[in-house]
Amino acid sequence: LTGSGFRGSTRSPPQNPSAPPGDPPLAPVLQLLRNQLQEKDALIRHLESDWERSRAQREREERLLVTAWYNMGLALQQQEGGTPPRGPPSGAQSFLAQQRLATVARRARTPHGRGPSS
């Protein structure tokens, strides 16, 4: 055991905590700690910005995947004839136009309000 109370220590004993703050032996240690703190703060800011960029990228990718699935499902549904494609494609009729045609066809088959004669 050395006189400082630290086994195997080659450093000088710690300074008295009640020493004045401008004491030269503590100044290099304080500067070193300040530098380490600044480096860690810079690292934290860098990691936070990386995380924010990663989060934004992940959100963009999720939106692209959802859009791709929607478009793929819509294309598959249109191929199977489930729904007509959007917009006015050639020869397509609106719902009301289809209803009018169905009504006219029904009236042509059956006289007004009378059932088929037996």
PDB file of N, CA and C in Angstrom:
ATOM      1  N   LEU A   1       0.847  -1.176   0.000  1.00  0.00           N
ATOM      2  CA  LEU A   1       0.000   0.000   0.000  1.00  0.00           C
ATOM      3  C   LEU A   1       0.884   1.226   0.000  1.00  0.00           C
ATOM      4  N   THR A   2       0.580   2.153  -0.877  1.00  0.00           N
ATOM      5  CA  THR A   2       1.357   3.385  -0.909  1.00  0.00           C
ATOM      6  C   THR A   2       0.756   4.360   0.081  1.00  0.00           C
ATOM      7  N   GLY A   3       1.380   5.478   0.237  1.00  0.00           N
ATOM      8  CA  GLY A   3       0.913   6.478   1.181  1.00  0.00           C
ATOM      9  C   GLY A   3      -0.400   7.106   0.775  1.00  0.00           C
ATOM     10  N   SER A   4      -0.791   7.034  -0.503  1.00  0.00           N
ATOM     11  CA  SER A   4      -2.033   7.663  -0.955  1.00  0.00           C
ATOM     12  C   SER A   4      -3.240   6.774  -0.710  1.00  0.00           C
ATOM     13  N   GLY A   5      -3.032   5.502  -0.413  1.00  0.00           N
ATOM     14  CA  GLY A   5      -4.144   4.614  -0.145  1.00  0.00           C
ATOM     15  C   GLY A   5      -4.619   3.866  -1.382  1.00  0.00           C
ATOM     16  N   PHE A   6      -3.972   4.041  -2.532  1.00  0.00           N
ATOM     17  CA  PHE A   6      -4.352   3.339  -3.757  1.00  0.00           C
ATOM     18  C   PHE A   6      -3.310   2.283  -4.056  1.00  0.00           C
ATOM     19  N   ARG A   7      -3.715   1.035  -4.184  1.00  0.00           N
ATOM     20  CA  ARG A   7      -2.799  -0.060  -4.439  1.00  0.00           C
ATOM     21  C   ARG A   7      -2.359  -0.015  -5.896  1.00  0.00           C
ATOM     22  N   GLY A   8      -1.092  -0.021  -6.170  1.00  0.00           N
ATOM     23  CA  GLY A   8      -0.545  -0.073  -7.503  1.00  0.00           C
ATOM     24  C   GLY A   8      -0.751   1.199  -8.303  1.00  0.00           C
ATOM     25  N   SER A   9      -1.114   2.279  -7.693  1.00  0.00           N
ATOM     26  CA  SER A   9      -1.363   3.520  -8.420  1.00  0.00           C
ATOM     27  C   SER A   9      -0.063   4.256  -8.649  1.00  0.00           C
ATOM     28  N   THR A  10       0.142   4.714  -9.871  1.00  0.00           N
ATOM     29  CA  THR A  10       1.339   5.494 -10.167  1.00  0.00           C
ATOM     30  C   THR A  10       1.003   6.972 -10.243  1.00  0.00           C
ATOM     31  N   ARG A  11      -0.273   7.290 -10.116  1.00  0.00           N
ATOM     32  CA  ARG A  11      -0.685   8.690 -10.185  1.00  0.00           C
ATOM     33  C   ARG A  11      -0.525   9.328  -8.821  1.00  0.00           C
ATOM     34  N   SER A  12      -0.516  10.628  -8.866  1.00  0.00           N
ATOM     35  CA  SER A  12      -0.435  11.351  -7.597  1.00  0.00           C
ATOM     36  C   SER A  12      -1.777  11.260  -6.897  1.00  0.00           C
ATOM     37  N   PRO A  13      -1.844  11.410  -5.607  1.00  0.00           N
ATOM     38  CA  PRO A  13      -3.099  11.319  -4.887  1.00  0.00           C
ATOM     39  C   PRO A  13      -4.069  12.402  -5.344  1.00  0.00           C
ATOM     40  N   PRO A  14      -5.389  12.153  -5.226  1.00  0.00           N
ATOM     41  CA  PRO A  14      -6.353  13.157  -5.653  1.00  0.00           C
ATOM     42  C   PRO A  14      -6.203  14.429  -4.838  1.00  0.00           C
ATOM     43  N   GLN A  15      -6.528  15.537  -5.494  1.00  0.00           N
ATOM     44  CA  GLN A  15      -6.402  16.824  -4.835  1.00  0.00           C
ATOM     45  C   GLN A  15      -7.516  17.007  -3.826  1.00  0.00           C
ATOM     46  N   ASN A  16      -7.321  17.872  -2.908  1.00  0.00           N
ATOM     47  CA  ASN A  16      -8.298  18.189  -1.883  1.00  0.00           C
ATOM     48  C   ASN A  16      -9.510  18.852  -2.539  1.00  0.00           C
ATOM     49  N   PRO A  17     -10.738  18.321  -2.341  1.00  0.00           N
ATOM     50  CA  PRO A  17     -11.904  18.918  -2.981  1.00  0.00           C
ATOM     51  C   PRO A  17     -12.163  20.344  -2.526  1.00  0.00           C
ATOM     52  N   SER A  18     -11.649  20.740  -1.407  1.00  0.00           N
ATOM     53  CA  SER A  18     -11.879  22.104  -0.941  1.00  0.00           C
ATOM     54  C   SER A  18     -10.846  23.074  -1.503  1.00  0.00           C
ATOM     55  N   ALA A  19      -9.997  22.598  -2.418  1.00  0.00           N
ATOM     56  CA  ALA A  19      -8.994  23.481  -3.022  1.00  0.00           C
ATOM     57  C   ALA A  19      -9.693  24.494  -3.918  1.00  0.00           C
ATOM     58  N   PRO A  20      -9.118  25.676  -4.101  1.00  0.00           N
ATOM     59  CA  PRO A  20      -9.736  26.689  -4.953  1.00  0.00           C
ATOM     60  C   PRO A  20      -9.868  26.189  -6.390  1.00  0.00           C
ATOM     61  N   PRO A  21     -10.934  26.633  -7.117  1.00  0.00           N
ATOM     62  CA  PRO A  21     -11.181  26.111  -8.461  1.00  0.00           C
ATOM     63  C   PRO A  21     -10.076  26.433  -9.456  1.00  0.00           C
ATOM     64  N   GLY A  22      -9.298  27.436  -9.243  1.00  0.00           N
ATOM     65  CA  GLY A  22      -8.229  27.787 -10.183  1.00  0.00           C
ATOM     66  C   GLY A  22      -6.943  27.071  -9.913  1.00  0.00           C
ATOM     67  N   ASP A  23      -6.964  26.067  -9.077  1.00  0.00           N
ATOM     68  CA  ASP A  23      -5.766  25.315  -8.727  1.00  0.00           C
ATOM     69  C   ASP A  23      -5.227  24.631  -9.978  1.00  0.00           C
ATOM     70  N   PRO A  24      -3.995  24.863 -10.358  1.00  0.00           N
ATOM     71  CA  PRO A  24      -3.434  24.319 -11.603  1.00  0.00           C
ATOM     72  C   PRO A  24      -3.516  22.808 -11.754  1.00  0.00           C
ATOM     73  N   PRO A  25      -3.323  21.959 -10.735  1.00  0.00           N
ATOM     74  CA  PRO A  25      -3.380  20.519 -10.977  1.00  0.00           C
ATOM     75  C   PRO A  25      -4.752  20.037 -11.444  1.00  0.00           C
ATOM     76  N   LEU A  26      -5.849  20.694 -11.093  1.00  0.00           N
ATOM     77  CA  LEU A  26      -7.176  20.268 -11.522  1.00  0.00           C
ATOM     78  C   LEU A  26      -7.547  20.811 -12.903  1.00  0.00           C
ATOM     79  N   ALA A  27      -6.927  21.878 -13.324  1.00  0.00           N
ATOM     80  CA  ALA A  27      -7.292  22.511 -14.593  1.00  0.00           C
ATOM     81  C   ALA A  27      -7.189  21.550 -15.782  1.00  0.00           C
ATOM     82  N   PRO A  28      -6.109  20.785 -15.960  1.00  0.00           N
ATOM     83  CA  PRO A  28      -6.051  19.858 -17.106  1.00  0.00           C
ATOM     84  C   PRO A  28      -7.116  18.769 -17.020  1.00  0.00           C
ATOM     85  N   VAL A  29      -7.412  18.300 -15.828  1.00  0.00           N
ATOM     86  CA  VAL A  29      -8.424  17.256 -15.655  1.00  0.00           C
ATOM     87  C   VAL A  29      -9.794  17.812 -16.020  1.00  0.00           C
ATOM     88  N   LEU A  30     -10.096  19.013 -15.561  1.00  0.00           N
ATOM     89  CA  LEU A  30     -11.380  19.643 -15.882  1.00  0.00           C
ATOM     90  C   LEU A  30     -11.516  19.871 -17.381  1.00  0.00           C
ATOM     91  N   GLN A  31     -10.431  20.333 -18.002  1.00  0.00           N
ATOM     92  CA  GLN A  31     -10.474  20.564 -19.446  1.00  0.00           C
ATOM     93  C   GLN A  31     -10.691  19.247 -20.187  1.00  0.00           C
ATOM     94  N   LEU A  32     -10.041  18.202 -19.736  1.00  0.00           N
ATOM     95  CA  LEU A  32     -10.217  16.894 -20.353  1.00  0.00           C
ATOM     96  C   LEU A  32     -11.667  16.428 -20.218  1.00  0.00           C
ATOM     97  N   LEU A  33     -12.239  16.604 -19.033  1.00  0.00           N
ATOM     98  CA  LEU A  33     -13.633  16.209 -18.828  1.00  0.00           C
ATOM     99  C   LEU A  33     -14.586  17.056 -19.664  1.00  0.00           C
ATOM    100  N   ARG A  34     -14.311  18.335 -19.771  1.00  0.00           N
ATOM    101  CA  ARG A  34     -15.148  19.210 -20.622  1.00  0.00           C
ATOM    102  C   ARG A  34     -15.083  18.765 -22.079  1.00  0.00           C
ATOM    103  N   ASN A  35     -13.885  18.439 -22.538  1.00  0.00           N
ATOM    104  CA  ASN A  35     -13.726  17.973 -23.918  1.00  0.00           C
ATOM    105  C   ASN A  35     -14.490  16.670 -24.150  1.00  0.00           C
ATOM    106  N   GLN A  36     -14.400  15.748 -23.198  1.00  0.00           N
ATOM    107  CA  GLN A  36     -15.126  14.490 -23.318  1.00  0.00           C
ATOM    108  C   GLN A  36     -16.632  14.740 -23.342  1.00  0.00           C
ATOM    109  N   LEU A  37     -17.092  15.661 -22.515  1.00  0.00           N
ATOM    110  CA  LEU A  37     -18.518  15.996 -22.477  1.00  0.00           C
ATOM    111  C   LEU A  37     -18.963  16.595 -23.811  1.00  0.00           C
ATOM    112  N   GLN A  38     -18.162  17.472 -24.375  1.00  0.00           N
ATOM    113  CA  GLN A  38     -18.506  18.060 -25.676  1.00  0.00           C
ATOM    114  C   GLN A  38     -18.531  16.991 -26.774  1.00  0.00           C
ATOM    115  N   GLU A  39     -17.568  16.065 -26.731  1.00  0.00           N
ATOM    116  CA  GLU A  39     -17.548  14.995 -27.725  1.00  0.00           C
ATOM    117  C   GLU A  39     -18.787  14.116 -27.596  1.00  0.00           C
ATOM    118  N   LYS A  40     -19.167  13.811 -26.369  1.00  0.00           N
ATOM    119  CA  LYS A  40     -20.351  12.973 -26.164  1.00  0.00           C
ATOM    120  C   LYS A  40     -21.617  13.704 -26.578  1.00  0.00           C
ATOM    121  N   ASP A  41     -21.699  15.004 -26.315  1.00  0.00           N
ATOM    122  CA  ASP A  41     -22.845  15.789 -26.766  1.00  0.00           C
ATOM    123  C   ASP A  41     -22.934  15.796 -28.291  1.00  0.00           C
ATOM    124  N   ALA A  42     -21.785  15.957 -28.940  1.00  0.00           N
ATOM    125  CA  ALA A  42     -21.771  15.938 -30.406  1.00  0.00           C
ATOM    126  C   ALA A  42     -22.206  14.573 -30.921  1.00  0.00           C
ATOM    127  N   LEU A  43     -21.757  13.502 -30.271  1.00  0.00           N
ATOM    128  CA  LEU A  43     -22.143  12.149 -30.674  1.00  0.00           C
ATOM    129  C   LEU A  43     -23.645  11.946 -30.487  1.00  0.00           C
ATOM    130  N   ILE A  44     -24.175  12.431 -29.377  1.00  0.00           N
ATOM    131  CA  ILE A  44     -25.616  12.303 -29.125  1.00  0.00           C
ATOM    132  C   ILE A  44     -26.407  13.052 -30.193  1.00  0.00           C
ATOM    133  N   ARG A  45     -25.997  14.261 -30.528  1.00  0.00           N
ATOM    134  CA  ARG A  45     -26.695  15.019 -31.585  1.00  0.00           C
ATOM    135  C   ARG A  45     -26.627  14.281 -32.920  1.00  0.00           C
ATOM    136  N   HIS A  46     -25.461  13.731 -33.221  1.00  0.00           N
ATOM    137  CA  HIS A  46     -25.298  12.984 -34.477  1.00  0.00           C
ATOM    138  C   HIS A  46     -26.205  11.752 -34.499  1.00  0.00           C
ATOM    139  N   LEU A  47     -26.243  11.008 -33.390  1.00  0.00           N
ATOM    140  CA  LEU A  47     -27.089   9.809 -33.329  1.00  0.00           C
ATOM    141  C   LEU A  47     -28.572  10.182 -33.401  1.00  0.00           C
ATOM    142  N   GLU A  48     -28.956  11.282 -32.765  1.00  0.00           N
ATOM    143  CA  GLU A  48     -30.352  11.719 -32.831  1.00  0.00           C
ATOM    144  C   GLU A  48     -30.744  12.094 -34.256  1.00  0.00           C
ATOM    145  N   SER A  49     -29.854  12.790 -34.952  1.00  0.00           N
ATOM    146  CA  SER A  49     -30.178  13.159 -36.338  1.00  0.00           C
ATOM    147  C   SER A  49     -30.225  11.916 -37.233  1.00  0.00           C
ATOM    148  N   ASP A  50     -29.329  10.959 -36.998  1.00  0.00           N
ATOM    149  CA  ASP A  50     -29.373   9.699 -37.750  1.00  0.00           C
ATOM    150  C   ASP A  50     -30.692   8.974 -37.497  1.00  0.00           C
ATOM    151  N   TRP A  51     -31.109   8.942 -36.228  1.00  0.00           N
ATOM    152  CA  TRP A  51     -32.358   8.276 -35.879  1.00  0.00           C
ATOM    153  C   TRP A  51     -33.534   8.960 -36.565  1.00  0.00           C
ATOM    154  N   GLU A  52     -33.549  10.282 -36.588  1.00  0.00           N
ATOM    155  CA  GLU A  52     -34.641  11.025 -37.229  1.00  0.00           C
ATOM    156  C   GLU A  52     -34.667  10.744 -38.736  1.00  0.00           C
ATOM    157  N   ARG A  53     -33.501  10.710 -39.363  1.00  0.00           N
ATOM    158  CA  ARG A  53     -33.447  10.386 -40.798  1.00  0.00           C
ATOM    159  C   ARG A  53     -33.935   8.959 -41.052  1.00  0.00           C
ATOM    160  N   SER A  54     -33.528   8.028 -40.189  1.00  0.00           N
ATOM    161  CA  SER A  54     -33.962   6.629 -40.344  1.00  0.00           C
ATOM    162  C   SER A  54     -35.473   6.513 -40.176  1.00  0.00           C
ATOM    163  N   ARG A  55     -36.027   7.231 -39.205  1.00  0.00           N
ATOM    164  CA  ARG A  55     -37.474   7.191 -38.969  1.00  0.00           C
ATOM    165  C   ARG A  55     -38.226   7.738 -40.181  1.00  0.00           C
ATOM    166  N   ALA A  56     -37.752   8.868 -40.721  1.00  0.00           N
ATOM    167  CA  ALA A  56     -38.402   9.461 -41.888  1.00  0.00           C
ATOM    168  C   ALA A  56     -38.305   8.518 -43.090  1.00  0.00           C
ATOM    169  N   GLN A  57     -37.156   7.895 -43.278  1.00  0.00           N
ATOM    170  CA  GLN A  57     -36.976   6.946 -44.385  1.00  0.00           C
ATOM    171  C   GLN A  57     -37.917   5.746 -44.223  1.00  0.00           C
ATOM    172  N   ARG A  58     -38.027   5.224 -42.993  1.00  0.00           N
ATOM    173  CA  ARG A  58     -38.912   4.090 -42.740  1.00  0.00           C
ATOM    174  C   ARG A  58     -40.363   4.459 -43.033  1.00  0.00           C
ATOM    175  N   GLU A  59     -40.771   5.672 -42.657  1.00  0.00           N
ATOM    176  CA  GLU A  59     -42.145   6.108 -42.938  1.00  0.00           C
ATOM    177  C   GLU A  59     -42.392   6.219 -44.442  1.00  0.00           C
ATOM    178  N   ARG A  60     -41.402   6.747 -45.179  1.00  0.00           N
ATOM    179  CA  ARG A  60     -41.554   6.826 -46.644  1.00  0.00           C
ATOM    180  C   ARG A  60     -41.680   5.431 -47.248  1.00  0.00           C
ATOM    181  N   GLU A  61     -40.851   4.501 -46.780  1.00  0.00           N
ATOM    182  CA  GLU A  61     -40.909   3.132 -47.294  1.00  0.00           C
ATOM    183  C   GLU A  61     -42.253   2.479 -46.983  1.00  0.00           C
ATOM    184  N   GLU A  62     -42.777   2.718 -45.782  1.00  0.00           N
ATOM    185  CA  GLU A  62     -44.081   2.148 -45.427  1.00  0.00           C
ATOM    186  C   GLU A  62     -45.178   2.709 -46.325  1.00  0.00           C
ATOM    187  N   ARG A  63     -45.139   4.011 -46.592  1.00  0.00           N
ATOM    188  CA  ARG A  63     -46.149   4.603 -47.478  1.00  0.00           C
ATOM    189  C   ARG A  63     -46.042   4.027 -48.891  1.00  0.00           C
ATOM    190  N   LEU A  64     -44.808   3.828 -49.362  1.00  0.00           N
ATOM    191  CA  LEU A  64     -44.625   3.235 -50.691  1.00  0.00           C
ATOM    192  C   LEU A  64     -45.159   1.803 -50.734  1.00  0.00           C
ATOM    193  N   LEU A  65     -44.908   1.038 -49.677  1.00  0.00           N
ATOM    194  CA  LEU A  65     -45.413  -0.339 -49.644  1.00  0.00           C
ATOM    195  C   LEU A  65     -46.935  -0.375 -49.633  1.00  0.00           C
ATOM    196  N   VAL A  66     -47.545   0.483 -48.844  1.00  0.00           N
ATOM    197  CA  VAL A  66     -49.007   0.517 -48.788  1.00  0.00           C
ATOM    198  C   VAL A  66     -49.568   0.903 -50.155  1.00  0.00           C
ATOM    199  N   THR A  67     -48.964   1.892 -50.788  1.00  0.00           N
ATOM    200  CA  THR A  67     -49.420   2.311 -52.115  1.00  0.00           C
ATOM    201  C   THR A  67     -49.259   1.184 -53.133  1.00  0.00           C
ATOM    202  N   ALA A  68     -48.121   0.497 -53.072  1.00  0.00           N
ATOM    203  CA  ALA A  68     -47.890  -0.605 -54.013  1.00  0.00           C
ATOM    204  C   ALA A  68     -48.905  -1.723 -53.800  1.00  0.00           C
ATOM    205  N   TRP A  69     -49.193  -2.084 -52.556  1.00  0.00           N
ATOM    206  CA  TRP A  69     -50.188  -3.126 -52.282  1.00  0.00           C
ATOM    207  C   TRP A  69     -51.561  -2.688 -52.775  1.00  0.00           C
ATOM    208  N   TYR A  70     -51.921  -1.437 -52.539  1.00  0.00           N
ATOM    209  CA  TYR A  70     -53.215  -0.944 -52.982  1.00  0.00           C
ATOM    210  C   TYR A  70     -53.312  -1.017 -54.506  1.00  0.00           C
ATOM    211  N   ASN A  71     -52.282  -0.524 -55.192  1.00  0.00           N
ATOM    212  CA  ASN A  71     -52.300  -0.548 -56.657  1.00  0.00           C
ATOM    213  C   ASN A  71     -52.314  -1.967 -57.197  1.00  0.00           C
ATOM    214  N   MET A  72     -51.571  -2.871 -56.554  1.00  0.00           N
ATOM    215  CA  MET A  72     -51.550  -4.256 -57.002  1.00  0.00           C
ATOM    216  C   MET A  72     -52.929  -4.903 -56.803  1.00  0.00           C
ATOM    217  N   GLY A  73     -53.552  -4.645 -55.661  1.00  0.00           N
ATOM    218  CA  GLY A  73     -54.886  -5.191 -55.407  1.00  0.00           C
ATOM    219  C   GLY A  73     -55.912  -4.632 -56.380  1.00  0.00           C
ATOM    220  N   LEU A  74     -55.810  -3.339 -56.663  1.00  0.00           N
ATOM    221  CA  LEU A  74     -56.728  -2.711 -57.608  1.00  0.00           C
ATOM    222  C   LEU A  74     -56.558  -3.304 -59.007  1.00  0.00           C
ATOM    223  N   ALA A  75     -55.309  -3.486 -59.428  1.00  0.00           N
ATOM    224  CA  ALA A  75     -55.051  -4.071 -60.748  1.00  0.00           C
ATOM    225  C   ALA A  75     -55.572  -5.503 -60.814  1.00  0.00           C
ATOM    226  N   LEU A  76     -55.376  -6.268 -59.753  1.00  0.00           N
ATOM    227  CA  LEU A  76     -55.857  -7.649 -59.724  1.00  0.00           C
ATOM    228  C   LEU A  76     -57.383  -7.679 -59.778  1.00  0.00           C
ATOM    229  N   GLN A  77     -58.008  -6.799 -59.041  1.00  0.00           N
ATOM    230  CA  GLN A  77     -59.469  -6.737 -59.029  1.00  0.00           C
ATOM    231  C   GLN A  77     -60.002  -6.362 -60.413  1.00  0.00           C
ATOM    232  N   GLN A  78     -59.334  -5.460 -61.081  1.00  0.00           N
ATOM    233  CA  GLN A  78     -59.770  -5.056 -62.421  1.00  0.00           C
ATOM    234  C   GLN A  78     -59.557  -6.181 -63.427  1.00  0.00           C
ATOM    235  N   GLN A  79     -58.484  -6.946 -63.261  1.00  0.00           N
ATOM    236  CA  GLN A  79     -58.241  -8.078 -64.161  1.00  0.00           C
ATOM    237  C   GLN A  79     -59.318  -9.135 -64.013  1.00  0.00           C
ATOM    238  N   GLU A  80     -59.764  -9.344 -62.782  1.00  0.00           N
ATOM    239  CA  GLU A  80     -60.786 -10.356 -62.533  1.00  0.00           C
ATOM    240  C   GLU A  80     -62.177  -9.836 -62.854  1.00  0.00           C
ATOM    241  N   GLY A  81     -62.292  -8.575 -63.158  1.00  0.00           N
ATOM    242  CA  GLY A  81     -63.595  -8.014 -63.497  1.00  0.00           C
ATOM    243  C   GLY A  81     -64.420  -7.659 -62.283  1.00  0.00           C
ATOM    244  N   GLY A  82     -63.806  -7.516 -61.135  1.00  0.00           N
ATOM    245  CA  GLY A  82     -64.531  -7.191 -59.913  1.00  0.00           C
ATOM    246  C   GLY A  82     -65.151  -5.806 -59.960  1.00  0.00           C
ATOM    247  N   THR A  83     -64.406  -4.845 -60.416  1.00  0.00           N
ATOM    248  CA  THR A  83     -64.921  -3.478 -60.531  1.00  0.00           C
ATOM    249  C   THR A  83     -64.396  -2.877 -61.810  1.00  0.00           C
ATOM    250  N   PRO A  84     -65.172  -1.995 -62.383  1.00  0.00           N
ATOM    251  CA  PRO A  84     -64.662  -1.333 -63.582  1.00  0.00           C
ATOM    252  C   PRO A  84     -63.532  -0.396 -63.204  1.00  0.00           C
ATOM    253  N   PRO A  85     -62.622  -0.146 -64.129  1.00  0.00           N
ATOM    254  CA  PRO A  85     -61.525   0.766 -63.838  1.00  0.00           C
ATOM    255  C   PRO A  85     -62.054   2.170 -63.582  1.00  0.00           C
ATOM    256  N   ARG A  86     -61.269   2.943 -62.902  1.00  0.00           N
ATOM    257  CA  ARG A  86     -61.658   4.317 -62.591  1.00  0.00           C
ATOM    258  C   ARG A  86     -61.720   5.156 -63.852  1.00  0.00           C
ATOM    259  N   GLY A  87     -62.493   6.230 -63.771  1.00  0.00           N
ATOM    260  CA  GLY A  87     -62.571   7.154 -64.898  1.00  0.00           C
ATOM    261  C   GLY A  87     -63.555   6.660 -65.932  1.00  0.00           C
ATOM    262  N   PRO A  88     -63.756   7.460 -66.933  1.00  0.00           N
ATOM    263  CA  PRO A  88     -64.710   7.072 -67.983  1.00  0.00           C
ATOM    264  C   PRO A  88     -64.048   6.311 -69.114  1.00  0.00           C
ATOM    265  N   PRO A  89     -63.850   4.990 -68.990  1.00  0.00           N
ATOM    266  CA  PRO A  89     -63.288   4.238 -70.103  1.00  0.00           C
ATOM    267  C   PRO A  89     -64.325   4.116 -71.224  1.00  0.00           C
ATOM    268  N   SER A  90     -63.849   3.781 -72.386  1.00  0.00           N
ATOM    269  CA  SER A  90     -64.746   3.736 -73.550  1.00  0.00           C
ATOM    270  C   SER A  90     -65.819   2.671 -73.359  1.00  0.00           C
ATOM    271  N   GLY A  91     -67.066   3.032 -73.638  1.00  0.00           N
ATOM    272  CA  GLY A  91     -68.175   2.099 -73.579  1.00  0.00           C
ATOM    273  C   GLY A  91     -68.757   1.903 -72.192  1.00  0.00           C
ATOM    274  N   ALA A  92     -68.134   2.404 -71.154  1.00  0.00           N
ATOM    275  CA  ALA A  92     -68.662   2.222 -69.806  1.00  0.00           C
ATOM    276  C   ALA A  92     -69.782   3.229 -69.566  1.00  0.00           C
ATOM    277  N   GLN A  93     -70.723   2.824 -68.721  1.00  0.00           N
ATOM    278  CA  GLN A  93     -71.852   3.680 -68.419  1.00  0.00           C
ATOM    279  C   GLN A  93     -71.923   3.912 -66.925  1.00  0.00           C
ATOM    280  N   SER A  94     -72.532   5.018 -66.566  1.00  0.00           N
ATOM    281  CA  SER A  94     -72.690   5.307 -65.145  1.00  0.00           C
ATOM    282  C   SER A  94     -73.753   4.379 -64.558  1.00  0.00           C
ATOM    283  N   PHE A  95     -73.825   4.354 -63.255  1.00  0.00           N
ATOM    284  CA  PHE A  95     -74.808   3.529 -62.570  1.00  0.00           C
ATOM    285  C   PHE A  95     -76.220   3.919 -62.997  1.00  0.00           C
ATOM    286  N   LEU A  96     -76.504   5.222 -63.053  1.00  0.00           N
ATOM    287  CA  LEU A  96     -77.843   5.666 -63.442  1.00  0.00           C
ATOM    288  C   LEU A  96     -78.183   5.274 -64.878  1.00  0.00           C
ATOM    289  N   ALA A  97     -77.205   5.378 -65.776  1.00  0.00           N
ATOM    290  CA  ALA A  97     -77.455   4.982 -67.164  1.00  0.00           C
ATOM    291  C   ALA A  97     -77.781   3.494 -67.249  1.00  0.00           C
ATOM    292  N   GLN A  98     -77.078   2.684 -66.464  1.00  0.00           N
ATOM    293  CA  GLN A  98     -77.356   1.245 -66.454  1.00  0.00           C
ATOM    294  C   GLN A  98     -78.759   0.971 -65.920  1.00  0.00           C
ATOM    295  N   GLN A  99     -79.173   1.705 -64.889  1.00  0.00           N
ATOM    296  CA  GLN A  99     -80.512   1.530 -64.328  1.00  0.00           C
ATOM    297  C   GLN A  99     -81.591   1.937 -65.320  1.00  0.00           C
ATOM    298  N   ARG A 100     -81.346   3.015 -66.033  1.00  0.00           N
ATOM    299  CA  ARG A 100     -82.328   3.450 -67.053  1.00  0.00           C
ATOM    300  C   ARG A 100     -82.480   2.379 -68.127  1.00  0.00           C
ATOM    301  N   LEU A 101     -81.356   1.826 -68.588  1.00  0.00           N
ATOM    302  CA  LEU A 101     -81.419   0.789 -69.618  1.00  0.00           C
ATOM    303  C   LEU A 101     -82.151  -0.450 -69.109  1.00  0.00           C
ATOM    304  N   ALA A 102     -81.894  -0.817 -67.852  1.00  0.00           N
ATOM    305  CA  ALA A 102     -82.572  -1.989 -67.289  1.00  0.00           C
ATOM    306  C   ALA A 102     -84.074  -1.737 -67.196  1.00  0.00           C
ATOM    307  N   THR A 103     -84.464  -0.522 -66.803  1.00  0.00           N
ATOM    308  CA  THR A 103     -85.888  -0.188 -66.699  1.00  0.00           C
ATOM    309  C   THR A 103     -86.544  -0.219 -68.069  1.00  0.00           C
ATOM    310  N   VAL A 104     -85.881   0.346 -69.066  1.00  0.00           N
ATOM    311  CA  VAL A 104     -86.440   0.352 -70.430  1.00  0.00           C
ATOM    312  C   VAL A 104     -86.584  -1.075 -70.936  1.00  0.00           C
ATOM    313  N   ALA A 105     -85.602  -1.928 -70.665  1.00  0.00           N
ATOM    314  CA  ALA A 105     -85.665  -3.314 -71.122  1.00  0.00           C
ATOM    315  C   ALA A 105     -86.802  -4.048 -70.426  1.00  0.00           C
ATOM    316  N   ARG A 106     -86.992  -3.810 -69.137  1.00  0.00           N
ATOM    317  CA  ARG A 106     -88.071  -4.447 -68.399  1.00  0.00           C
ATOM    318  C   ARG A 106     -89.428  -4.009 -68.947  1.00  0.00           C
ATOM    319  N   ARG A 107     -89.577  -2.726 -69.211  1.00  0.00           N
ATOM    320  CA  ARG A 107     -90.846  -2.201 -69.734  1.00  0.00           C
ATOM    321  C   ARG A 107     -91.134  -2.750 -71.129  1.00  0.00           C
ATOM    322  N   ALA A 108     -90.106  -2.976 -71.887  1.00  0.00           N
ATOM    323  CA  ALA A 108     -90.314  -3.501 -73.237  1.00  0.00           C
ATOM    324  C   ALA A 108     -90.810  -4.944 -73.183  1.00  0.00           C
ATOM    325  N   ARG A 109     -90.374  -5.701 -72.163  1.00  0.00           N
ATOM    326  CA  ARG A 109     -90.819  -7.087 -72.031  1.00  0.00           C
ATOM    327  C   ARG A 109     -92.232  -7.187 -71.481  1.00  0.00           C
ATOM    328  N   THR A 110     -92.587  -6.323 -70.543  1.00  0.00           N
ATOM    329  CA  THR A 110     -93.871  -6.410 -69.854  1.00  0.00           C
ATOM    330  C   THR A 110     -94.665  -5.135 -70.112  1.00  0.00           C
ATOM    331  N   PRO A 111     -95.941  -5.252 -70.483  1.00  0.00           N
ATOM    332  CA  PRO A 111     -96.750  -4.038 -70.625  1.00  0.00           C
ATOM    333  C   PRO A 111     -96.882  -3.341 -69.280  1.00  0.00           C
ATOM    334  N   HIS A 112     -97.169  -2.058 -69.289  1.00  0.00           N
ATOM    335  CA  HIS A 112     -97.175  -1.198 -68.089  1.00  0.00           C
ATOM    336  C   HIS A 112     -98.001  -1.802 -66.970  1.00  0.00           C
ATOM    337  N   GLY A 113     -97.313  -2.201 -65.899  1.00  0.00           N
ATOM    338  CA  GLY A 113     -97.975  -2.631 -64.679  1.00  0.00           C
ATOM    339  C   GLY A 113     -98.696  -3.969 -64.767  1.00  0.00           C
ATOM    340  N   ARG A 114     -98.697  -4.636 -65.891  1.00  0.00           N
ATOM    341  CA  ARG A 114     -99.396  -5.919 -65.998  1.00  0.00           C
ATOM    342  C   ARG A 114     -98.388  -7.049 -66.029  1.00  0.00           C
ATOM    343  N   GLY A 115     -98.731  -8.093 -65.412  1.00  0.00           N
ATOM    344  CA  GLY A 115     -97.888  -9.274 -65.435  1.00  0.00           C
ATOM    345  C   GLY A 115     -98.030  -9.991 -66.758  1.00  0.00           C
ATOM    346  N   PRO A 116     -97.239 -11.002 -66.990  1.00  0.00           N
ATOM    347  CA  PRO A 116     -97.353 -11.751 -68.247  1.00  0.00           C
ATOM    348  C   PRO A 116     -98.729 -12.419 -68.328  1.00  0.00           C
ATOM    349  N   SER A 117     -99.334 -12.359 -69.490  1.00  0.00           N
ATOM    350  CA  SER A 117    -100.668 -12.951 -69.680  1.00  0.00           C
ATOM    351  C   SER A 117    -100.555 -14.449 -69.798  1.00  0.00           C
ATOM    352  N   SER A 118    -101.568 -15.153 -69.214  1.00  0.00           N
ATOM    353  CA  SER A 118    -101.535 -16.611 -69.279  1.00  0.00           C
ATOM    354  C   SER A 118    -102.657 -17.148 -70.103  1.00  0.00           C
TER     355      SER A 118
END
